[in-house]
Amino acid sequence: MDTVFEPWALFMKQRLILAGGSGFLGQALAGHFAALGWDVVVLTRKTSAVNTVARHVVWDGKTQAGWTREIEGASAVLNLTGRTVDCRYTAANRRLIMDSRVDSTRVLGEAIARCASKPRVWLNASTATIYLHTLGPAWDESGEIGSTPEAQDEFSVEVAKAWEEALFRASVPGTRTLALRTTMVLGLGRNSVFPVLCRLARFGLGGRMGSGKQFVSWIHLTDFCCAIEFLISRDDLSGVVNLTAPNPVPNHTMMRMFREVCGVPFGLPAAEWMLEVGAFFMRTEMELIIKSRRVIPGKLMAAGFKFQFPEMMAALRDLSARL
């Protein structure tokens, strides 16, 4: 059947659905795409959420309800839903971490499958933690997957595998799917990594963590948003994509850079036993600190994506100037 040209379609805004988009990354993406003229819809549990650039629609991340009509005819869907991993991995928290990711992915797949006019692309958050702990060559998307006792990351890798399996198991013909294996995003969100590490440096605690040899993969928030825009626009990219800057650095190098941008000449190092104690009292897990994540954006670089901040020092200086 020939496609009928409908002139009114030229004047319709593209629509982005941000599931779990009320947090640090979601707010940044909402602002980025709204500035491009998109209609942005945030699916959120927080009925009181306020964002002048996006519409907020209530969902529970588990069941089909009124929110599903927003998916119909959307240009893109991006799922950021997931209970924070910055907590102690108690049985209850483990269940919430796993279920919030798998359930939201499953229910979005079901909603997309029912659409008469399906979204062109579905991007689903994932994590670069899925790759094997390494001090050797960096992993691109073909990197080895698995956990290492030294990194204490068995549960996190299990979550990452289940998360991606839920995405790729969904039957959504006509919709391109991508799993975003994202690394640490550097931005100015109140509880994001950049402000936290700046505070540590200013208090004289900005030394190496543990051995300091573990690699840190990262991406500036600006590049994160631009990479999402790039992936939506490129019909030839699908499957897993590493969302990270091209130059990971060892922990001891990263902490030296933080001391420099904060104007602090010295930082006390933290031995591994000190990190264990600190993690316990801060209600978080050692894995977030000691795992070596040496990841590079193979697909993005091959596709010609240009990073504004390929080097960490430039990224930190930019954020420090804004702060």
Protein backbone atom coordinates (compact mmCIF):
# COMPACT_ATOMS: atom_id res chain seq x y z
CA MET A 1 0.00 0.00 0.00
CA ASP A 2 1.34 3.46 -0.88
CA THR A 3 2.02 5.82 1.99
CA VAL A 4 -0.35 8.78 2.05
CA PHE A 5 1.38 12.12 2.58
CA GLU A 6 -0.27 14.11 5.34
CA PRO A 7 0.96 17.76 5.46
CA TRP A 8 -0.02 18.20 9.12
CA ALA A 9 2.63 15.65 10.10
CA LEU A 10 5.36 18.14 9.16
CA PHE A 11 4.27 20.38 12.01
CA MET A 12 4.12 17.71 14.72
CA LYS A 13 6.80 17.80 17.37
CA GLN A 14 8.93 14.75 17.87
CA ARG A 15 8.09 13.15 21.21
CA LEU A 16 10.57 11.64 23.66
CA ILE A 17 9.34 9.40 26.47
CA LEU A 18 11.67 9.48 29.48
CA ALA A 19 10.77 6.64 31.82
CA GLY A 20 12.22 7.25 35.27
CA GLY A 21 13.26 10.67 34.05
CA SER A 22 12.84 12.74 37.21
CA GLY A 23 16.44 12.30 38.41
CA PHE A 24 19.75 13.97 37.60
CA LEU A 25 20.18 12.45 34.12
CA GLY A 26 16.51 12.63 33.20
CA GLN A 27 16.28 16.33 34.01
CA ALA A 28 19.38 17.04 31.91
CA LEU A 29 17.97 15.08 28.96
CA ALA A 30 14.58 16.76 29.28
CA GLY A 31 16.23 20.16 29.04
CA HIS A 32 18.45 19.08 26.14
CA PHE A 33 15.62 17.72 24.00
CA ALA A 34 13.17 20.47 24.90
CA ALA A 35 15.75 22.96 23.65
CA LEU A 36 15.74 21.05 20.36
CA GLY A 37 11.96 21.54 20.12
CA TRP A 38 10.90 18.05 21.21
CA ASP A 39 7.82 17.27 23.27
CA VAL A 40 9.26 15.56 26.35
CA VAL A 41 7.13 13.28 28.55
CA VAL A 42 8.54 12.03 31.86
CA LEU A 43 7.09 8.84 33.31
CA THR A 44 7.54 9.08 37.07
CA ARG A 45 6.27 7.78 40.38
CA LYS A 46 6.60 11.28 41.86
CA THR A 47 3.27 12.97 41.29
CA SER A 48 4.64 16.22 42.72
CA ALA A 49 7.55 16.38 40.27
CA VAL A 50 7.89 19.80 38.66
CA ASN A 51 9.76 20.41 35.41
CA THR A 52 8.80 23.34 33.23
CA VAL A 53 10.19 21.76 30.07
CA ALA A 54 8.43 18.37 30.31
CA ARG A 55 5.02 16.89 30.96
CA HIS A 56 4.89 14.43 33.85
CA VAL A 57 2.76 11.30 33.69
CA VAL A 58 2.41 8.92 36.62
CA TRP A 59 3.48 5.29 36.26
CA ASP A 60 4.59 2.58 38.67
CA GLY A 61 7.15 0.94 36.42
CA LYS A 62 5.41 -2.41 36.71
CA THR A 63 1.89 -2.36 35.28
CA GLN A 64 0.05 -1.13 32.20
CA ALA A 65 -2.08 1.92 32.93
CA GLY A 66 -2.95 5.33 31.50
CA TRP A 67 0.69 6.11 30.70
CA THR A 68 0.75 3.64 27.82
CA ARG A 69 -1.10 6.04 25.49
CA GLU A 70 1.96 8.31 25.59
CA ILE A 71 4.02 5.59 23.87
CA GLU A 72 1.74 5.49 20.83
CA GLY A 73 3.39 7.41 18.00
CA ALA A 74 6.37 8.56 20.10
CA SER A 75 9.62 9.15 18.24
CA ALA A 76 11.82 7.63 20.93
CA VAL A 77 11.58 5.94 24.32
CA LEU A 78 14.42 6.10 26.85
CA ASN A 79 14.21 4.07 30.05
CA LEU A 80 16.33 5.30 32.97
CA THR A 81 14.32 3.55 35.67
CA GLY A 82 16.21 1.81 38.45
CA ARG A 83 16.55 1.95 42.21
CA THR A 84 19.91 3.55 43.07
CA VAL A 85 22.84 1.17 43.61
CA ASP A 86 24.39 3.61 46.08
CA CYS A 87 23.17 1.61 49.07
CA ARG A 88 24.01 -1.49 51.11
CA TYR A 89 23.10 -4.65 49.24
CA THR A 90 20.68 -6.05 51.78
CA ALA A 91 18.19 -8.67 50.60
CA ALA A 92 15.46 -6.02 50.36
CA ASN A 93 17.65 -3.59 48.43
CA ARG A 94 18.86 -6.31 46.08
CA ARG A 95 15.28 -7.16 45.24
CA LEU A 96 14.40 -3.50 44.60
CA ILE A 97 17.51 -2.92 42.47
CA MET A 98 16.78 -5.95 40.30
CA ASP A 99 13.00 -5.66 40.07
CA SER A 100 12.93 -1.92 39.33
CA ARG A 101 15.13 -2.46 36.27
CA VAL A 102 13.69 -5.69 34.93
CA ASP A 103 10.02 -4.84 35.58
CA SER A 104 10.20 -1.40 33.97
CA THR A 105 11.95 -2.81 30.90
CA ARG A 106 9.44 -5.63 30.59
CA VAL A 107 6.39 -3.37 30.88
CA LEU A 108 7.76 -0.87 28.36
CA GLY A 109 8.36 -3.70 25.91
CA GLU A 110 4.76 -4.84 26.35
CA ALA A 111 3.47 -1.31 25.79
CA ILE A 112 5.57 -0.80 22.66
CA ALA A 113 4.49 -4.18 21.27
CA ARG A 114 0.83 -3.09 21.51
CA CYS A 115 1.35 0.19 19.64
CA ALA A 116 -0.21 0.63 16.22
CA SER A 117 2.42 3.31 15.54
CA LYS A 118 5.55 2.12 17.33
CA PRO A 119 8.42 4.34 18.45
CA ARG A 120 11.32 4.31 16.00
CA VAL A 121 13.86 3.62 18.73
CA TRP A 122 13.92 2.33 22.31
CA LEU A 123 17.02 3.11 24.37
CA ASN A 124 17.32 1.30 27.68
CA ALA A 125 19.80 2.14 30.42
CA SER A 126 22.36 -0.50 31.29
CA THR A 127 25.77 -0.36 32.95
CA ALA A 128 29.40 -0.76 31.98
CA THR A 129 29.80 -2.68 35.24
CA ILE A 130 28.79 -5.71 33.16
CA TYR A 131 32.37 -5.97 31.88
CA LEU A 132 35.05 -7.97 33.63
CA HIS A 133 37.18 -6.09 36.16
CA THR A 134 40.44 -5.30 34.33
CA LEU A 135 43.71 -3.41 34.66
CA GLY A 136 44.66 -4.47 31.14
CA PRO A 137 43.45 -3.28 27.72
CA ALA A 138 40.18 -1.36 27.64
CA TRP A 139 36.92 -3.08 26.74
CA ASP A 140 34.83 -1.94 23.78
CA GLU A 141 31.40 -3.48 23.15
CA SER A 142 33.04 -6.84 22.43
CA GLY A 143 34.67 -6.88 25.87
CA GLU A 144 34.48 -9.86 28.22
CA ILE A 145 31.48 -10.00 30.54
CA GLY A 146 31.68 -11.43 34.03
CA SER A 147 32.31 -10.89 37.72
CA THR A 148 35.52 -11.08 39.76
CA PRO A 149 35.74 -11.83 43.51
CA GLU A 150 38.41 -9.13 43.83
CA ALA A 151 35.92 -6.52 42.59
CA GLN A 152 33.00 -7.78 44.74
CA ASP A 153 30.73 -7.29 41.73
CA GLU A 154 28.84 -10.58 41.35
CA PHE A 155 25.43 -9.08 42.13
CA SER A 156 25.92 -6.03 39.90
CA VAL A 157 26.88 -8.17 36.91
CA GLU A 158 23.87 -10.41 37.57
CA VAL A 159 21.61 -7.34 37.51
CA ALA A 160 23.18 -6.00 34.31
CA LYS A 161 22.68 -9.31 32.51
CA ALA A 162 19.03 -9.60 33.58
CA TRP A 163 18.40 -5.96 32.62
CA GLU A 164 19.71 -6.40 29.09
CA GLU A 165 18.02 -9.78 28.69
CA ALA A 166 14.66 -8.13 29.47
CA LEU A 167 15.31 -5.56 26.73
CA PHE A 168 16.42 -7.94 23.99
CA ARG A 169 13.75 -10.51 24.87
CA ALA A 170 11.00 -7.98 24.08
CA SER A 171 9.21 -8.54 20.78
CA VAL A 172 9.05 -5.07 19.22
CA PRO A 173 9.45 -5.45 15.44
CA GLY A 174 9.94 -2.09 13.77
CA THR A 175 11.52 -0.51 16.86
CA ARG A 176 15.31 -0.29 17.04
CA THR A 177 16.63 -1.23 20.49
CA LEU A 178 19.81 -0.15 22.24
CA ALA A 179 21.27 -1.08 25.63
CA LEU A 180 23.26 1.89 26.96
CA ARG A 181 26.21 0.54 28.94
CA THR A 182 26.77 3.79 30.78
CA THR A 183 29.73 4.75 32.95
CA MET A 184 30.05 7.44 35.63
CA VAL A 185 28.40 10.66 34.41
CA LEU A 186 30.12 13.86 35.54
CA GLY A 187 27.68 16.70 36.14
CA LEU A 188 26.48 19.13 38.80
CA GLY A 189 23.58 17.12 40.22
CA ARG A 190 23.45 17.55 43.99
CA ASN A 191 24.38 13.97 44.87
CA SER A 192 26.24 13.09 41.67
CA VAL A 193 29.89 12.08 41.63
CA PHE A 194 31.51 15.42 40.77
CA PRO A 195 30.23 17.42 43.78
CA VAL A 196 30.87 14.48 46.14
CA LEU A 197 34.50 14.06 45.08
CA CYS A 198 35.03 17.83 45.18
CA ARG A 199 33.87 17.84 48.80
CA LEU A 200 36.26 15.01 49.65
CA ALA A 201 39.15 16.87 48.03
CA ARG A 202 38.37 20.10 49.89
CA PHE A 203 38.28 18.22 53.21
CA GLY A 204 41.75 16.82 52.53
CA LEU A 205 40.47 13.34 51.68
CA GLY A 206 41.20 13.47 47.96
CA GLY A 207 43.97 10.86 47.86
CA ARG A 208 43.99 7.55 46.02
CA MET A 209 41.34 5.02 47.00
CA GLY A 210 42.68 1.57 47.77
CA SER A 211 45.53 0.77 45.40
CA GLY A 212 44.52 3.67 43.16
CA LYS A 213 45.30 1.48 40.14
CA GLN A 214 41.66 0.67 39.34
CA PHE A 215 40.45 2.44 36.20
CA VAL A 216 37.54 4.86 36.19
CA SER A 217 35.45 5.25 33.05
CA TRP A 218 33.41 8.42 32.86
CA ILE A 219 31.52 10.81 30.58
CA HIS A 220 30.71 14.52 30.84
CA LEU A 221 26.98 15.23 31.13
CA THR A 222 27.06 17.34 27.94
CA ASP A 223 28.52 14.44 25.96
CA PHE A 224 26.04 12.07 27.57
CA CYS A 225 23.09 14.12 26.29
CA CYS A 226 24.64 14.67 22.85
CA ALA A 227 25.42 10.95 22.54
CA ILE A 228 21.76 10.09 23.24
CA GLU A 229 20.71 12.56 20.54
CA PHE A 230 23.27 11.00 18.16
CA LEU A 231 22.08 7.44 18.84
CA ILE A 232 18.45 8.41 18.24
CA SER A 233 19.37 9.98 14.91
CA ARG A 234 21.47 7.06 13.63
CA ASP A 235 19.26 4.30 12.24
CA ASP A 236 22.31 2.10 11.68
CA LEU A 237 23.19 1.73 15.37
CA SER A 238 21.54 -0.90 17.58
CA GLY A 239 22.34 -3.48 20.25
CA VAL A 240 24.78 -2.64 23.06
CA VAL A 241 26.57 0.72 23.07
CA ASN A 242 29.19 1.91 25.55
CA LEU A 243 28.23 5.39 26.74
CA THR A 244 31.58 6.65 27.98
CA ALA A 245 34.40 9.05 27.12
CA PRO A 246 37.34 7.54 25.19
CA ASN A 247 39.96 8.04 27.91
CA PRO A 248 39.44 6.21 31.23
CA VAL A 249 41.96 7.07 33.94
CA PRO A 250 43.35 5.29 37.03
CA ASN A 251 41.76 6.27 40.33
CA HIS A 252 44.95 7.90 41.63
CA THR A 253 45.10 10.10 38.50
CA MET A 254 41.45 11.07 38.84
CA MET A 255 41.89 12.08 42.46
CA ARG A 256 44.96 14.17 41.60
CA MET A 257 42.87 15.99 39.00
CA PHE A 258 40.12 16.67 41.53
CA ARG A 259 42.69 18.08 43.98
CA GLU A 260 44.03 20.33 41.22
CA VAL A 261 40.66 21.78 40.18
CA CYS A 262 39.76 22.28 43.86
CA GLY A 263 43.08 24.00 44.62
CA VAL A 264 44.07 21.46 47.28
CA PRO A 265 47.73 20.37 47.19
CA PHE A 266 47.42 17.18 49.24
CA GLY A 267 44.89 14.46 49.86
CA LEU A 268 45.02 11.63 52.38
CA PRO A 269 44.95 8.21 50.71
CA ALA A 270 42.38 5.66 51.87
CA ALA A 271 43.54 2.09 52.44
CA GLU A 272 41.13 -0.69 51.49
CA TRP A 273 40.18 -1.39 55.11
CA MET A 274 39.34 2.31 55.52
CA LEU A 275 37.13 2.14 52.44
CA GLU A 276 35.33 -0.89 53.92
CA VAL A 277 34.58 1.05 57.10
CA GLY A 278 33.60 4.17 55.19
CA ALA A 279 31.31 2.25 52.86
CA PHE A 280 29.55 0.67 55.82
CA PHE A 281 28.86 3.98 57.53
CA MET A 282 27.90 5.71 54.27
CA ARG A 283 25.49 2.82 53.54
CA THR A 284 27.08 1.97 50.21
CA GLU A 285 29.17 -0.86 48.71
CA MET A 286 32.92 -1.28 48.12
CA GLU A 287 32.40 -2.41 44.55
CA LEU A 288 31.48 1.13 43.49
CA ILE A 289 35.00 2.23 44.49
CA ILE A 290 37.38 -0.67 43.89
CA LYS A 291 36.16 -2.22 40.62
CA SER A 292 38.34 -1.33 37.65
CA ARG A 293 36.08 -0.20 34.80
CA ARG A 294 38.27 0.38 31.75
CA VAL A 295 35.74 0.92 28.98
CA ILE A 296 35.88 2.78 25.65
CA PRO A 297 33.07 3.86 23.26
CA GLY A 298 33.88 1.61 20.31
CA LYS A 299 30.60 2.03 18.42
CA LEU A 300 30.30 5.78 19.02
CA MET A 301 33.85 6.43 17.80
CA ALA A 302 33.41 4.19 14.75
CA ALA A 303 30.19 6.06 13.88
CA GLY A 304 31.97 9.42 14.03
CA PHE A 305 30.59 10.86 17.27
CA LYS A 306 32.70 13.83 18.40
CA PHE A 307 33.22 14.24 22.14
CA GLN A 308 33.35 17.78 23.48
CA PHE A 309 35.19 16.49 26.54
CA PRO A 310 37.35 13.47 25.61
CA GLU A 311 39.82 14.18 28.45
CA MET A 312 38.87 14.18 32.13
CA MET A 313 40.85 17.26 33.12
CA ALA A 314 38.99 19.43 30.62
CA ALA A 315 35.68 17.98 31.84
CA LEU A 316 36.51 18.74 35.48
CA ARG A 317 37.64 22.27 34.69
CA ASP A 318 34.41 22.94 32.79
CA LEU A 319 32.26 21.71 35.66
CA SER A 320 34.35 23.53 38.26
CA ALA A 321 33.90 26.81 36.36
CA ARG A 322 30.12 26.28 36.30
CA LEU A 323 30.03 25.33 39.98
